[in-house]
Amino acid sequence: MYAKRIVFLCALTAVWVGVGSTRAQAGPLYNQPTNFEGGFYSENDTSVPLGPYATTYDDFTLSSTAAIGSVSWVGGIISTVAVTPTAFTIDIFANSTTGCIGAEPTCPNTGSMLYTTTISGDAGQTFLQNDNLPPPNSNPAYSYSDPINFTATGGTEYWISIVATVPAPGDWFWESGTGGDGYSYQTLFGTTTALAVDEAFSLNSPSAVPEPMSAGLVGGGLVLLALASRRFKRPIA
């Protein structure tokens, strides 16, 4: 009888602890994987008087309203020496019904800026492979990821730009991708051009933080198990 009660209390404790420690996993909300076919400059060059001379934009629409906790993307570097970005600026814009030089998809329509963040560092730059292009255009491609905090309304079109701060002699470009609507655009030295490609990026949900009561649930389960052990322990002869 004692053994059965101990098994029951242990099982109850396991369920209690399991409920208290449940976490939602981070996952992709939107994804445009790279095709490793090169890309387009999107760069702030601080080593020479070029500054933010190139910005590339792409649009996204989520099927339902969701919080975005991070952005992952793929980019490439053109350089004769090792170069690492020192920062990335990520901007999100509203869509506009009045295009910059025409209607979509001739020219995408960015409206007011809704979110901006500049994060120092190389965003976890990790080598993936060289582009699937013949030399000398087979440049190395890298994966990147940075946290953001933005809630997108489902069914609403937004625009995102990712700009790397890279010292000369390197140049950074946003790798092209697939899975979107097949167009993006670039502003280069003040001239805006529509691009008949997607850019490579994904939007990810934030990891869920356990509710405050979770710690109490775990603690309560352990106390229950301890009491069960004390109550049913045989006396020492």
Protein backbone atom coordinates (compact mmCIF):
# COMPACT_ATOMS: atom_id res chain seq x y z
CA MET A 1 0.00 0.00 0.00
CA TYR A 2 2.80 2.37 0.93
CA ALA A 3 4.61 1.54 -2.30
CA LYS A 4 1.51 2.34 -4.37
CA ARG A 5 1.07 5.69 -2.63
CA ILE A 6 4.72 6.58 -3.20
CA VAL A 7 4.42 5.73 -6.91
CA PHE A 8 1.28 7.86 -7.16
CA LEU A 9 2.91 10.85 -5.46
CA CYS A 10 6.02 10.55 -7.62
CA ALA A 11 3.86 10.48 -10.74
CA LEU A 12 1.91 13.49 -9.50
CA THR A 13 5.15 15.35 -8.84
CA ALA A 14 6.45 14.53 -12.31
CA VAL A 15 3.26 15.90 -13.89
CA TRP A 16 3.43 18.97 -11.63
CA VAL A 17 7.03 19.70 -12.56
CA GLY A 18 6.33 19.02 -16.24
CA VAL A 19 3.46 21.51 -16.35
CA GLY A 20 5.49 24.15 -14.60
CA SER A 21 8.48 23.88 -16.89
CA THR A 22 6.68 23.90 -20.25
CA ARG A 23 8.24 26.38 -22.69
CA ALA A 24 7.17 27.43 -26.15
CA GLN A 25 9.94 26.92 -28.67
CA ALA A 26 11.20 29.67 -30.96
CA GLY A 27 10.30 29.01 -34.55
CA PRO A 28 10.14 30.67 -37.97
CA LEU A 29 7.15 32.88 -38.67
CA TYR A 30 8.27 33.71 -42.19
CA ASN A 31 11.07 32.29 -44.32
CA GLN A 32 12.78 33.13 -47.62
CA PRO A 33 15.77 30.77 -47.89
CA THR A 34 18.81 31.75 -49.93
CA ASN A 35 19.54 30.26 -53.34
CA PHE A 36 23.26 31.21 -53.17
CA GLU A 37 22.96 33.14 -56.43
CA GLY A 38 24.66 36.33 -55.30
CA GLY A 39 22.86 39.42 -54.06
CA PHE A 40 22.76 43.19 -53.81
CA TYR A 41 24.80 45.70 -51.86
CA SER A 42 23.25 46.92 -48.62
CA GLU A 43 26.03 48.67 -46.79
CA ASN A 44 27.20 51.57 -44.68
CA ASP A 45 30.85 52.12 -45.54
CA THR A 46 32.58 54.08 -42.76
CA SER A 47 36.17 53.80 -43.99
CA VAL A 48 35.74 56.02 -47.03
CA PRO A 49 33.30 58.94 -47.54
CA LEU A 50 30.56 56.75 -48.99
CA GLY A 51 28.48 56.29 -45.85
CA PRO A 52 25.18 54.40 -46.22
CA TYR A 53 25.37 54.40 -49.99
CA ALA A 54 23.33 51.21 -50.57
CA THR A 55 20.15 49.89 -48.95
CA THR A 56 18.22 46.85 -50.08
CA TYR A 57 14.60 46.24 -49.03
CA ASP A 58 12.19 43.32 -49.20
CA ASP A 59 8.57 42.90 -48.17
CA PHE A 60 6.83 40.33 -45.96
CA THR A 61 3.31 39.54 -44.82
CA LEU A 62 2.45 37.24 -41.91
CA SER A 63 -0.68 35.11 -42.09
CA SER A 64 -1.63 36.07 -38.52
CA THR A 65 -0.60 38.67 -35.97
CA ALA A 66 2.59 37.65 -34.16
CA ALA A 67 5.50 39.02 -32.16
CA ILE A 68 8.85 38.82 -33.95
CA GLY A 69 11.78 38.14 -31.64
CA SER A 70 14.65 37.87 -34.10
CA VAL A 71 15.65 38.15 -37.74
CA SER A 72 17.99 35.71 -39.49
CA TRP A 73 19.47 36.40 -42.89
CA VAL A 74 22.20 35.44 -45.36
CA GLY A 75 24.75 37.84 -46.78
CA GLY A 76 28.02 37.79 -48.65
CA ILE A 77 31.30 39.66 -48.53
CA ILE A 78 33.45 40.80 -51.42
CA SER A 79 36.97 41.47 -50.28
CA THR A 80 40.57 40.55 -50.95
CA VAL A 81 41.23 40.41 -47.19
CA ALA A 82 39.26 39.12 -44.23
CA VAL A 83 36.49 41.56 -43.35
CA THR A 84 33.85 41.38 -40.62
CA PRO A 85 30.85 43.70 -40.24
CA THR A 86 31.00 45.88 -37.15
CA ALA A 87 27.22 46.48 -36.87
CA PHE A 88 23.88 45.86 -38.55
CA THR A 89 20.91 48.20 -38.84
CA ILE A 90 17.49 46.60 -39.24
CA ASP A 91 14.54 48.81 -40.21
CA ILE A 92 10.88 47.89 -40.71
CA PHE A 93 8.55 50.14 -42.70
CA ALA A 94 4.85 50.36 -43.31
CA ASN A 95 3.63 49.75 -46.84
CA SER A 96 2.55 52.79 -48.84
CA THR A 97 -0.09 53.04 -51.54
CA THR A 98 1.99 55.65 -53.38
CA GLY A 99 5.10 54.14 -54.92
CA CYS A 100 8.51 55.80 -55.03
CA ILE A 101 8.58 55.83 -58.82
CA GLY A 102 5.55 53.76 -59.73
CA ALA A 103 3.21 51.00 -58.70
CA GLU A 104 4.26 47.58 -57.44
CA PRO A 105 6.03 45.57 -58.60
CA THR A 106 7.68 48.25 -60.75
CA CYS A 107 8.72 49.98 -57.55
CA PRO A 108 7.92 48.76 -54.04
CA ASN A 109 6.19 51.12 -51.70
CA THR A 110 7.78 51.88 -48.35
CA GLY A 111 5.86 54.11 -46.00
CA SER A 112 6.76 55.43 -42.57
CA MET A 113 9.44 53.71 -40.48
CA LEU A 114 7.84 51.58 -37.76
CA TYR A 115 10.91 50.06 -36.14
CA THR A 116 14.67 50.51 -36.19
CA THR A 117 17.59 49.01 -34.32
CA THR A 118 21.34 49.08 -34.76
CA ILE A 119 23.23 46.26 -33.07
CA SER A 120 27.00 46.27 -32.72
CA GLY A 121 29.02 43.24 -33.77
CA ASP A 122 28.93 40.77 -36.61
CA ALA A 123 25.51 39.21 -35.78
CA GLY A 124 27.10 35.80 -35.32
CA GLN A 125 28.62 35.70 -38.78
CA THR A 126 28.96 32.02 -39.76
CA PHE A 127 30.32 30.76 -43.06
CA LEU A 128 27.90 28.66 -45.13
CA GLN A 129 29.45 28.17 -48.57
CA ASN A 130 30.59 30.05 -51.64
CA ASP A 131 27.92 31.27 -54.04
CA ASN A 132 26.86 29.04 -56.91
CA LEU A 133 28.32 31.44 -59.43
CA PRO A 134 31.40 31.12 -61.65
CA PRO A 135 34.57 32.90 -60.48
CA PRO A 136 35.20 35.69 -59.74
CA ASN A 137 31.61 36.03 -58.52
CA SER A 138 31.64 32.97 -56.28
CA ASN A 139 31.87 34.96 -53.06
CA PRO A 140 31.56 33.51 -49.54
CA ALA A 141 28.06 33.55 -48.02
CA TYR A 142 27.39 33.78 -44.30
CA SER A 143 24.43 33.39 -41.96
CA TYR A 144 23.52 36.10 -39.45
CA SER A 145 20.94 36.65 -36.74
CA ASP A 146 19.98 39.53 -34.45
CA PRO A 147 17.16 40.05 -31.94
CA ILE A 148 14.39 42.53 -32.63
CA ASN A 149 11.12 43.39 -30.89
CA PHE A 150 8.31 44.01 -33.34
CA THR A 151 4.72 42.82 -33.59
CA ALA A 152 3.39 42.42 -37.13
CA THR A 153 -0.33 42.48 -37.85
CA GLY A 154 -1.54 39.49 -39.82
CA GLY A 155 -2.39 40.14 -43.46
CA THR A 156 -0.47 43.45 -43.47
CA GLU A 157 2.43 44.07 -45.85
CA TYR A 158 5.66 45.42 -44.34
CA TRP A 159 9.11 46.21 -45.71
CA ILE A 160 12.40 45.30 -44.05
CA SER A 161 15.91 46.54 -44.78
CA ILE A 162 19.16 45.10 -43.44
CA VAL A 163 22.29 47.24 -43.75
CA ALA A 164 25.76 46.14 -42.68
CA THR A 165 28.42 48.54 -41.41
CA VAL A 166 31.59 47.30 -43.10
CA PRO A 167 35.01 48.97 -43.29
CA ALA A 168 36.86 49.14 -46.59
CA PRO A 169 38.12 47.29 -48.54
CA GLY A 170 35.20 44.96 -48.00
CA ASP A 171 31.69 45.19 -49.47
CA TRP A 172 28.65 43.45 -48.01
CA PHE A 173 25.63 42.27 -49.96
CA TRP A 174 22.30 40.73 -48.98
CA GLU A 175 21.99 37.31 -50.60
CA SER A 176 19.03 36.68 -52.87
CA GLY A 177 16.44 34.09 -51.87
CA THR A 178 13.23 32.35 -52.79
CA GLY A 179 9.78 31.87 -51.32
CA GLY A 180 8.50 35.44 -51.42
CA ASP A 181 6.65 37.40 -54.07
CA GLY A 182 9.65 37.58 -56.39
CA TYR A 183 10.66 41.20 -56.06
CA SER A 184 12.52 43.60 -53.77
CA TYR A 185 14.37 46.84 -54.42
CA GLN A 186 17.61 48.68 -53.83
CA THR A 187 18.51 52.32 -53.37
CA LEU A 188 22.08 52.80 -54.61
CA PHE A 189 23.66 56.28 -54.42
CA GLY A 190 20.17 57.78 -54.28
CA THR A 191 18.73 55.88 -57.24
CA THR A 192 16.01 53.35 -56.55
CA THR A 193 15.77 50.23 -58.72
CA ALA A 194 13.25 47.39 -58.60
CA LEU A 195 14.78 43.90 -58.34
CA ALA A 196 13.09 40.80 -59.72
CA VAL A 197 14.29 38.61 -56.84
CA ASP A 198 13.59 37.92 -53.20
CA GLU A 199 16.17 38.50 -50.46
CA ALA A 200 17.19 35.75 -48.02
CA PHE A 201 15.80 36.20 -44.51
CA SER A 202 13.53 34.67 -41.92
CA LEU A 203 11.47 36.13 -39.08
CA ASN A 204 11.39 34.14 -35.87
CA SER A 205 9.09 34.09 -32.88
CA PRO A 206 10.59 34.86 -29.46
CA SER A 207 11.18 32.06 -26.97
CA ALA A 208 8.43 31.97 -24.38
CA VAL A 209 9.47 32.80 -20.81
CA PRO A 210 7.99 30.53 -18.13
CA GLU A 211 5.24 32.17 -16.15
CA PRO A 212 6.22 33.34 -12.63
CA MET A 213 4.27 30.53 -11.03
CA SER A 214 6.37 27.90 -12.81
CA ALA A 215 9.16 28.08 -10.24
CA GLY A 216 6.59 27.67 -7.51
CA LEU A 217 5.13 24.65 -9.24
CA VAL A 218 8.52 23.00 -9.50
CA GLY A 219 9.35 23.81 -5.91
CA GLY A 220 5.98 22.58 -4.71
CA GLY A 221 6.47 19.30 -6.52
CA LEU A 222 9.87 18.74 -4.92
CA VAL A 223 8.48 19.50 -1.46
CA LEU A 224 5.67 17.03 -2.05
CA LEU A 225 8.15 14.35 -3.04
CA ALA A 226 10.29 15.06 0.04
CA LEU A 227 7.27 14.79 2.35
CA ALA A 228 6.26 11.53 0.72
CA SER A 229 9.74 10.14 1.27
CA ARG A 230 9.74 11.18 4.93
CA ARG A 231 6.21 9.89 5.60
CA PHE A 232 6.77 6.42 4.18
CA LYS A 233 10.40 5.78 5.14
CA ARG A 234 10.77 2.67 7.30
CA PRO A 235 12.14 3.28 10.81
CA ILE A 236 15.72 2.15 11.41
CA ALA A 237 15.86 -0.79 13.75
